[in-house]
C-alpha atoms as a PDB file:
ATOM      1  CA  MET A   1     118.730  90.058 104.882  1.00  0.00           C
ATOM      2  CA  ILE A   2     115.243  90.061 106.971  1.00  0.00           C
ATOM      3  CA  LYS A   3     115.362  88.700 110.205  1.00  0.00           C
ATOM      4  CA  HIS A   4     111.756  87.581 112.169  1.00  0.00           C
ATOM      5  CA  VAL A   5     110.761  86.987 115.443  1.00  0.00           C
ATOM      6  CA  SER A   6     106.880  86.852 116.687  1.00  0.00           C
ATOM      7  CA  PHE A   7     106.483  88.295 120.256  1.00  0.00           C
ATOM      8  CA  LYS A   8     103.431  87.004 122.563  1.00  0.00           C
ATOM      9  CA  HIS A   9     102.517  90.786 123.530  1.00  0.00           C
ATOM     10  CA  GLY A  10      99.399  89.789 124.551  1.00  0.00           C
ATOM     11  CA  TRP A  11      98.367  88.780 120.701  1.00  0.00           C
ATOM     12  CA  PHE A  12     101.299  88.311 118.651  1.00  0.00           C
ATOM     13  CA  TYR A  13     103.281  90.575 117.115  1.00  0.00           C
ATOM     14  CA  HIS A  14     105.533  90.009 114.035  1.00  0.00           C
ATOM     15  CA  TYR A  15     109.187  91.924 114.361  1.00  0.00           C
ATOM     16  CA  ARG A  16     110.778  92.222 111.592  1.00  0.00           C
ATOM     17  CA  ILE A  17     114.389  94.097 110.889  1.00  0.00           C
ATOM     18  CA  ASN A  18     116.463  94.714 107.571  1.00  0.00           C
ATOM     19  CA  LEU A  19     119.775  93.792 108.273  1.00  0.00           C
ATOM     20  CA  ARG A  20     121.593  95.635 105.693  1.00  0.00           C
ATOM     21  CA  LYS A  21     119.814  98.469 105.689  1.00  0.00           C
ATOM     22  CA  ILE A  22     120.479  98.555 109.947  1.00  0.00           C
ATOM     23  CA  ASP A  23     124.091  98.179 108.208  1.00  0.00           C
ATOM     24  CA  ALA A  24     123.905 101.155 105.974  1.00  0.00           C
ATOM     25  CA  LEU A  25     121.873 103.896 108.291  1.00  0.00           C
ATOM     26  CA  CYS A  26     122.573 103.379 111.881  1.00  0.00           C
ATOM     27  CA  ASN A  27     126.030 105.050 111.609  1.00  0.00           C
ATOM     28  CA  THR A  28     128.267 106.122 114.365  1.00  0.00           C
ATOM     29  CA  GLU A  29     125.211 109.087 115.192  1.00  0.00           C
ATOM     30  CA  PHE A  30     122.665 105.883 115.888  1.00  0.00           C
ATOM     31  CA  SER A  31     124.933 102.783 116.584  1.00  0.00           C
ATOM     32  CA  ASN A  32     122.387 102.617 120.096  1.00  0.00           C
ATOM     33  CA  LEU A  33     119.935 102.298 117.961  1.00  0.00           C
ATOM     34  CA  LYS A  34     122.025  99.548 115.388  1.00  0.00           C
ATOM     35  CA  GLY A  35     122.459  97.231 119.111  1.00  0.00           C
ATOM     36  CA  TYR A  36     118.579  98.455 120.134  1.00  0.00           C
ATOM     37  CA  LEU A  37     117.251  96.635 117.260  1.00  0.00           C
ATOM     38  CA  THR A  38     119.469  93.816 116.462  1.00  0.00           C
ATOM     39  CA  GLY A  39     119.019  93.107 120.036  1.00  0.00           C
ATOM     40  CA  LEU A  40     115.153  92.570 120.513  1.00  0.00           C
ATOM     41  CA  MET A  41     115.775  89.581 118.636  1.00  0.00           C
ATOM     42  CA  ASN A  42     117.084  87.766 121.425  1.00  0.00           C
ATOM     43  CA  ASP A  43     115.945  89.427 124.115  1.00  0.00           C
ATOM     44  CA  CYS A  44     112.659  91.537 124.838  1.00  0.00           C
ATOM     45  CA  PRO A  45     110.590  91.047 127.571  1.00  0.00           C
ATOM     46  CA  GLU A  46     107.131  89.552 127.832  1.00  0.00           C
ATOM     47  CA  GLU A  47     105.676  91.068 131.081  1.00  0.00           C
ATOM     48  CA  PRO A  48     105.250  95.306 130.299  1.00  0.00           C
ATOM     49  CA  PHE A  49     102.948  94.141 127.248  1.00  0.00           C
ATOM     50  CA  LEU A  50     101.055  91.895 129.422  1.00  0.00           C
ATOM     51  CA  LYS A  51     100.058  94.653 131.643  1.00  0.00           C
ATOM     52  CA  GLY A  52      99.850  98.550 132.064  1.00  0.00           C
ATOM     53  CA  LEU A  53      99.032 100.982 129.431  1.00  0.00           C
ATOM     54  CA  ARG A  54      99.857 100.762 125.522  1.00  0.00           C
ATOM     55  CA  CYS A  55     100.275 104.122 124.030  1.00  0.00           C
ATOM     56  CA  SER A  56      97.504 103.016 121.470  1.00  0.00           C
ATOM     57  CA  HIS A  57      94.847 103.757 124.028  1.00  0.00           C
ATOM     58  CA  ILE A  58      95.758 106.771 125.152  1.00  0.00           C
ATOM     59  CA  LYS A  59      93.028 108.998 123.731  1.00  0.00           C
ATOM     60  CA  ASP A  60      94.206 112.810 124.644  1.00  0.00           C
ATOM     61  CA  PRO A  61      94.672 115.105 121.630  1.00  0.00           C
ATOM     62  CA  LEU A  62      98.358 116.076 121.167  1.00  0.00           C
ATOM     63  CA  GLN A  63      96.993 119.259 119.198  1.00  0.00           C
ATOM     64  CA  THR A  64     100.046 119.401 117.511  1.00  0.00           C
ATOM     65  CA  GLN A  65     100.980 121.178 114.083  1.00  0.00           C
ATOM     66  CA  LEU A  66     101.083 118.938 111.444  1.00  0.00           C
ATOM     67  CA  ASN A  67     102.384 118.810 108.241  1.00  0.00           C
ATOM     68  CA  GLU A  68      99.748 117.346 105.733  1.00  0.00           C
ATOM     69  CA  ILE A  69     102.087 116.060 102.948  1.00  0.00           C
ATOM     70  CA  CYS A  70      99.852 114.604  99.877  1.00  0.00           C
ATOM     71  CA  GLY A  71     102.043 112.205  97.863  1.00  0.00           C
ATOM     72  CA  HIS A  72     104.562 111.664 100.359  1.00  0.00           C
ATOM     73  CA  GLU A  73     106.650 108.463  99.164  1.00  0.00           C
ATOM     74  CA  ILE A  74     105.791 106.862 102.234  1.00  0.00           C
ATOM     75  CA  SER A  75     102.120 106.762 100.947  1.00  0.00           C
ATOM     76  CA  SER A  76     103.099 105.405  97.289  1.00  0.00           C
ATOM     77  CA  PHE A  77     104.797 102.268  99.019  1.00  0.00           C
ATOM     78  CA  ALA A  78     101.331 102.034 101.028  1.00  0.00           C
ATOM     79  CA  GLU A  79      99.357 101.980  97.791  1.00  0.00           C
ATOM     80  CA  ARG A  80     101.350  99.454  96.224  1.00  0.00           C
ATOM     81  CA  ALA A  81     101.403  97.098  98.849  1.00  0.00           C
ATOM     82  CA  HIS A  82      98.080  96.777  98.243  1.00  0.00           C
ATOM     83  CA  SER A  83      98.875  95.472  94.698  1.00  0.00           C
ATOM     84  CA  THR A  84      99.695  92.317  96.469  1.00  0.00           C
ATOM     85  CA  GLN A  85      97.447  89.327  98.138  1.00  0.00           C
ATOM     86  CA  ASP A  86     100.784  87.587 100.573  1.00  0.00           C
ATOM     87  CA  PHE A  87      99.088  88.901 103.194  1.00  0.00           C
ATOM     88  CA  LYS A  88      95.405  89.325 104.696  1.00  0.00           C
ATOM     89  CA  SER A  89      96.347  92.290 106.709  1.00  0.00           C
ATOM     90  CA  ALA A  90      96.699  95.684 105.333  1.00  0.00           C
ATOM     91  CA  HIS A  91      99.153  96.270 107.604  1.00  0.00           C
ATOM     92  CA  SER A  92     101.336  93.637 107.010  1.00  0.00           C
ATOM     93  CA  ARG A  93     101.123  93.658 103.518  1.00  0.00           C
ATOM     94  CA  VAL A  94     101.947  97.685 104.189  1.00  0.00           C
ATOM     95  CA  GLN A  95     104.753  96.566 106.663  1.00  0.00           C
ATOM     96  CA  LEU A  96     106.573  94.271 104.210  1.00  0.00           C
ATOM     97  CA  GLU A  97     106.375  96.344 101.208  1.00  0.00           C
ATOM     98  CA  LEU A  98     108.560  99.253 102.709  1.00  0.00           C
ATOM     99  CA  LEU A  99     111.137  96.807 104.567  1.00  0.00           C
ATOM    100  CA  GLN A 100     111.757  94.842 101.849  1.00  0.00           C
ATOM    101  CA  ASN A 101     111.701  97.402  98.951  1.00  0.00           C
ATOM    102  CA  ASP A 102     112.183 100.999 101.074  1.00  0.00           C
ATOM    103  CA  ASP A 103     115.890 101.900 101.457  1.00  0.00           C
ATOM    104  CA  SER A 104     115.002 104.176 104.274  1.00  0.00           C
ATOM    105  CA  THR A 105     112.926 101.334 106.539  1.00  0.00           C
ATOM    106  CA  LEU A 106     114.813  99.718 109.186  1.00  0.00           C
ATOM    107  CA  ALA A 107     112.111  97.468 110.848  1.00  0.00           C
ATOM    108  CA  VAL A 108     108.240  97.291 111.579  1.00  0.00           C
ATOM    109  CA  GLU A 109     106.525  96.520 114.423  1.00  0.00           C
ATOM    110  CA  VAL A 110     109.116  97.843 116.784  1.00  0.00           C
ATOM    111  CA  PRO A 111     108.647  96.822 120.653  1.00  0.00           C
ATOM    112  CA  VAL A 112     108.735 100.367 122.648  1.00  0.00           C
ATOM    113  CA  TRP A 113     108.435  99.922 126.866  1.00  0.00           C
ATOM    114  CA  THR A 114     109.009 101.466 130.391  1.00  0.00           C
ATOM    115  CA  ASP A 115     109.868  99.105 132.873  1.00  0.00           C
ATOM    116  CA  GLU A 116     109.233  98.814 136.214  1.00  0.00           C
ATOM    117  CA  THR A 117     112.110 100.957 137.053  1.00  0.00           C
ATOM    118  CA  GLU A 118     110.547 103.866 134.858  1.00  0.00           C
ATOM    119  CA  LYS A 119     107.222 104.358 136.510  1.00  0.00           C
ATOM    120  CA  ASP A 120     108.123 107.645 137.183  1.00  0.00           C
ATOM    121  CA  LEU A 121     108.314 108.837 133.762  1.00  0.00           C
ATOM    122  CA  PHE A 122     104.582 108.848 133.038  1.00  0.00           C
ATOM    123  CA  SER A 123     102.003 107.341 135.844  1.00  0.00           C
ATOM    124  CA  SER A 124     102.413 104.272 138.283  1.00  0.00           C
ATOM    125  CA  GLU A 125     101.332 101.932 135.171  1.00  0.00           C
ATOM    126  CA  THR A 126     103.971 100.861 132.679  1.00  0.00           C
ATOM    127  CA  LEU A 127     103.784 102.024 129.071  1.00  0.00           C
ATOM    128  CA  SER A 128     104.312 100.111 125.897  1.00  0.00           C
ATOM    129  CA  GLY A 129     103.709  99.713 122.269  1.00  0.00           C
ATOM    130  CA  HIS A 130     104.970  98.402 118.293  1.00  0.00           C
ATOM    131  CA  ILE A 131     105.974 100.806 116.471  1.00  0.00           C
ATOM    132  CA  ASP A 132     104.522  99.927 112.738  1.00  0.00           C
ATOM    133  CA  VAL A 133     107.301 101.412 110.862  1.00  0.00           C
ATOM    134  CA  LEU A 134     111.106 102.742 111.631  1.00  0.00           C
ATOM    135  CA  ARG A 135     112.832 104.649 108.943  1.00  0.00           C
ATOM    136  CA  ILE A 136     116.081 106.894 108.805  1.00  0.00           C
ATOM    137  CA  GLU A 137     115.574 109.842 106.302  1.00  0.00           C
ATOM    138  CA  ASP A 138     117.492 112.929 106.099  1.00  0.00           C
ATOM    139  CA  GLY A 139     120.012 111.917 109.458  1.00  0.00           C
ATOM    140  CA  LEU A 140     116.333 111.640 111.379  1.00  0.00           C
ATOM    141  CA  ILE A 141     114.791 108.703 113.236  1.00  0.00           C
ATOM    142  CA  TRP A 142     111.372 108.527 111.884  1.00  0.00           C
ATOM    143  CA  VAL A 143     108.241 106.354 114.199  1.00  0.00           C
ATOM    144  CA  TRP A 144     105.864 106.010 111.549  1.00  0.00           C
ATOM    145  CA  ASP A 145     101.750 104.913 112.182  1.00  0.00           C
ATOM    146  CA  TYR A 146      99.854 103.214 108.737  1.00  0.00           C
ATOM    147  CA  LYS A 147      96.436 104.357 109.259  1.00  0.00           C
ATOM    148  CA  PRO A 148      94.106 103.703 106.840  1.00  0.00           C
ATOM    149  CA  ASN A 149      91.506 107.068 106.706  1.00  0.00           C
ATOM    150  CA  ALA A 150      94.500 108.465 108.429  1.00  0.00           C
ATOM    151  CA  HIS A 151      92.703 112.340 107.673  1.00  0.00           C
ATOM    152  CA  LEU A 152      90.236 111.188 110.496  1.00  0.00           C
ATOM    153  CA  GLU A 153      92.471 110.149 113.084  1.00  0.00           C
ATOM    154  CA  LYS A 154      92.374 111.963 116.449  1.00  0.00           C
ATOM    155  CA  PHE A 155      95.041 110.809 117.997  1.00  0.00           C
ATOM    156  CA  ALA A 156      97.723 109.093 115.868  1.00  0.00           C
ATOM    157  CA  ASP A 157      99.982 112.197 116.805  1.00  0.00           C
ATOM    158  CA  THR A 158      99.915 111.471 120.699  1.00  0.00           C
ATOM    159  CA  GLN A 159     100.306 107.651 119.599  1.00  0.00           C
ATOM    160  CA  THR A 160     103.082 108.408 117.436  1.00  0.00           C
ATOM    161  CA  PHE A 161     104.542 110.648 120.031  1.00  0.00           C
ATOM    162  CA  LEU A 162     104.498 108.531 122.704  1.00  0.00           C
ATOM    163  CA  TYR A 163     106.476 106.172 120.443  1.00  0.00           C
ATOM    164  CA  SER A 164     109.336 108.837 119.703  1.00  0.00           C
ATOM    165  CA  LEU A 165     109.585 109.307 123.545  1.00  0.00           C
ATOM    166  CA  LEU A 166     110.167 105.977 123.958  1.00  0.00           C
ATOM    167  CA  LEU A 167     112.164 104.535 121.577  1.00  0.00           C
ATOM    168  CA  SER A 168     114.178 107.914 122.317  1.00  0.00           C
ATOM    169  CA  LYS A 169     114.615 106.941 125.963  1.00  0.00           C
ATOM    170  CA  ARG A 170     114.938 103.062 125.263  1.00  0.00           C
ATOM    171  CA  ALA A 171     118.310 103.442 122.417  1.00  0.00           C
ATOM    172  CA  ASN A 172     119.926 106.685 124.773  1.00  0.00           C
ATOM    173  CA  ILE A 173     118.951 108.912 121.256  1.00  0.00           C
ATOM    174  CA  PRO A 174     117.921 112.381 121.924  1.00  0.00           C
ATOM    175  CA  LEU A 175     114.359 113.116 121.279  1.00  0.00           C
ATOM    176  CA  ASN A 176     115.682 115.658 118.804  1.00  0.00           C
ATOM    177  CA  LYS A 177     116.520 113.320 116.435  1.00  0.00           C
ATOM    178  CA  PHE A 178     113.126 111.939 116.137  1.00  0.00           C
ATOM    179  CA  ARG A 179     110.499 112.751 113.999  1.00  0.00           C
ATOM    180  CA  CYS A 180     107.102 111.150 113.775  1.00  0.00           C
ATOM    181  CA  GLY A 181     104.578 111.041 111.311  1.00  0.00           C
ATOM    182  CA  TYR A 182     101.251 108.599 109.827  1.00  0.00           C
ATOM    183  CA  PHE A 183      99.727 107.947 106.962  1.00  0.00           C
ATOM    184  CA  ASP A 184      97.598 106.047 104.273  1.00  0.00           C
ATOM    185  CA  GLU A 185      97.575 105.386 100.587  1.00  0.00           C
ATOM    186  CA  LYS A 186      96.977 109.440  99.975  1.00  0.00           C
ATOM    187  CA  ARG A 187      97.980 111.591 102.728  1.00  0.00           C
ATOM    188  CA  ALA A 188     101.175 111.370 105.649  1.00  0.00           C
ATOM    189  CA  TYR A 189     101.238 113.458 108.555  1.00  0.00           C
ATOM    190  CA  VAL A 190     104.170 114.538 110.052  1.00  0.00           C
ATOM    191  CA  PHE A 191     105.297 116.312 112.853  1.00  0.00           C
ATOM    192  CA  LYS A 192     108.734 117.256 115.461  1.00  0.00           C
ATOM    193  CA  PRO A 193     108.292 115.756 119.027  1.00  0.00           C
ATOM    194  CA  GLU A 194     109.083 117.832 122.071  1.00  0.00           C
ATOM    195  CA  GLU A 195     109.348 117.315 125.556  1.00  0.00           C
ATOM    196  CA  GLU A 196     106.666 119.636 126.213  1.00  0.00           C
ATOM    197  CA  PHE A 197     104.174 117.705 124.906  1.00  0.00           C
ATOM    198  CA  MET A 198     103.658 115.291 127.998  1.00  0.00           C
ATOM    199  CA  ARG A 199     102.281 118.373 129.579  1.00  0.00           C
ATOM    200  CA  LYS A 200      98.990 117.887 127.199  1.00  0.00           C
ATOM    201  CA  ILE A 201      98.594 114.187 127.716  1.00  0.00           C
ATOM    202  CA  GLU A 202      96.240 113.625 130.872  1.00  0.00           C
ATOM    203  CA  GLY A 203      95.950 109.687 130.794  1.00  0.00           C
ATOM    204  CA  ILE A 204     100.120 109.105 131.708  1.00  0.00           C
ATOM    205  CA  LYS A 205     100.706 112.093 133.939  1.00  0.00           C
ATOM    206  CA  LYS A 206     101.578 111.213 137.669  1.00  0.00           C
END
């Protein structure tokens, strides 16, 4: 069962969750994630998304040790998504293909943010973003971003790291339970997020 709500966070973001998959995959360890994802359907603030910094706008290289995977299953879903013309947006096609047909995908366009009480985490600015695809794979929470021509990306690791850090704090789940990745129809790039990466991001230092 897919539920959908649109948020006007500067422009419209279409947050969607698959309740069946959330029930199946969010076991006791990830019960906080289930509460977070379902709670957003009725309670998501606007203000943090209308000011401050967006994760996608921070152009500091993380210089992680990326693992490149050709033929990852998430790339296969992306390739399959483009055979349908249900949506003009490539992002929307990929997101809906995964949410409907991938057993691991819980939600798409997931809002994450810091609020006024959390400014000291990063800088004097609030920080926000929307996770393209959220999956649970092998007992880990995976934060994914769809990037056409992923091999040309310079800052996608920074973006997905920040998404995972924000979700870790919002859902109160340790960062070591997260993994990050970005992908296109041919390749996926994955890494493990670490708190120490914060020191590499000049754009959000206090």
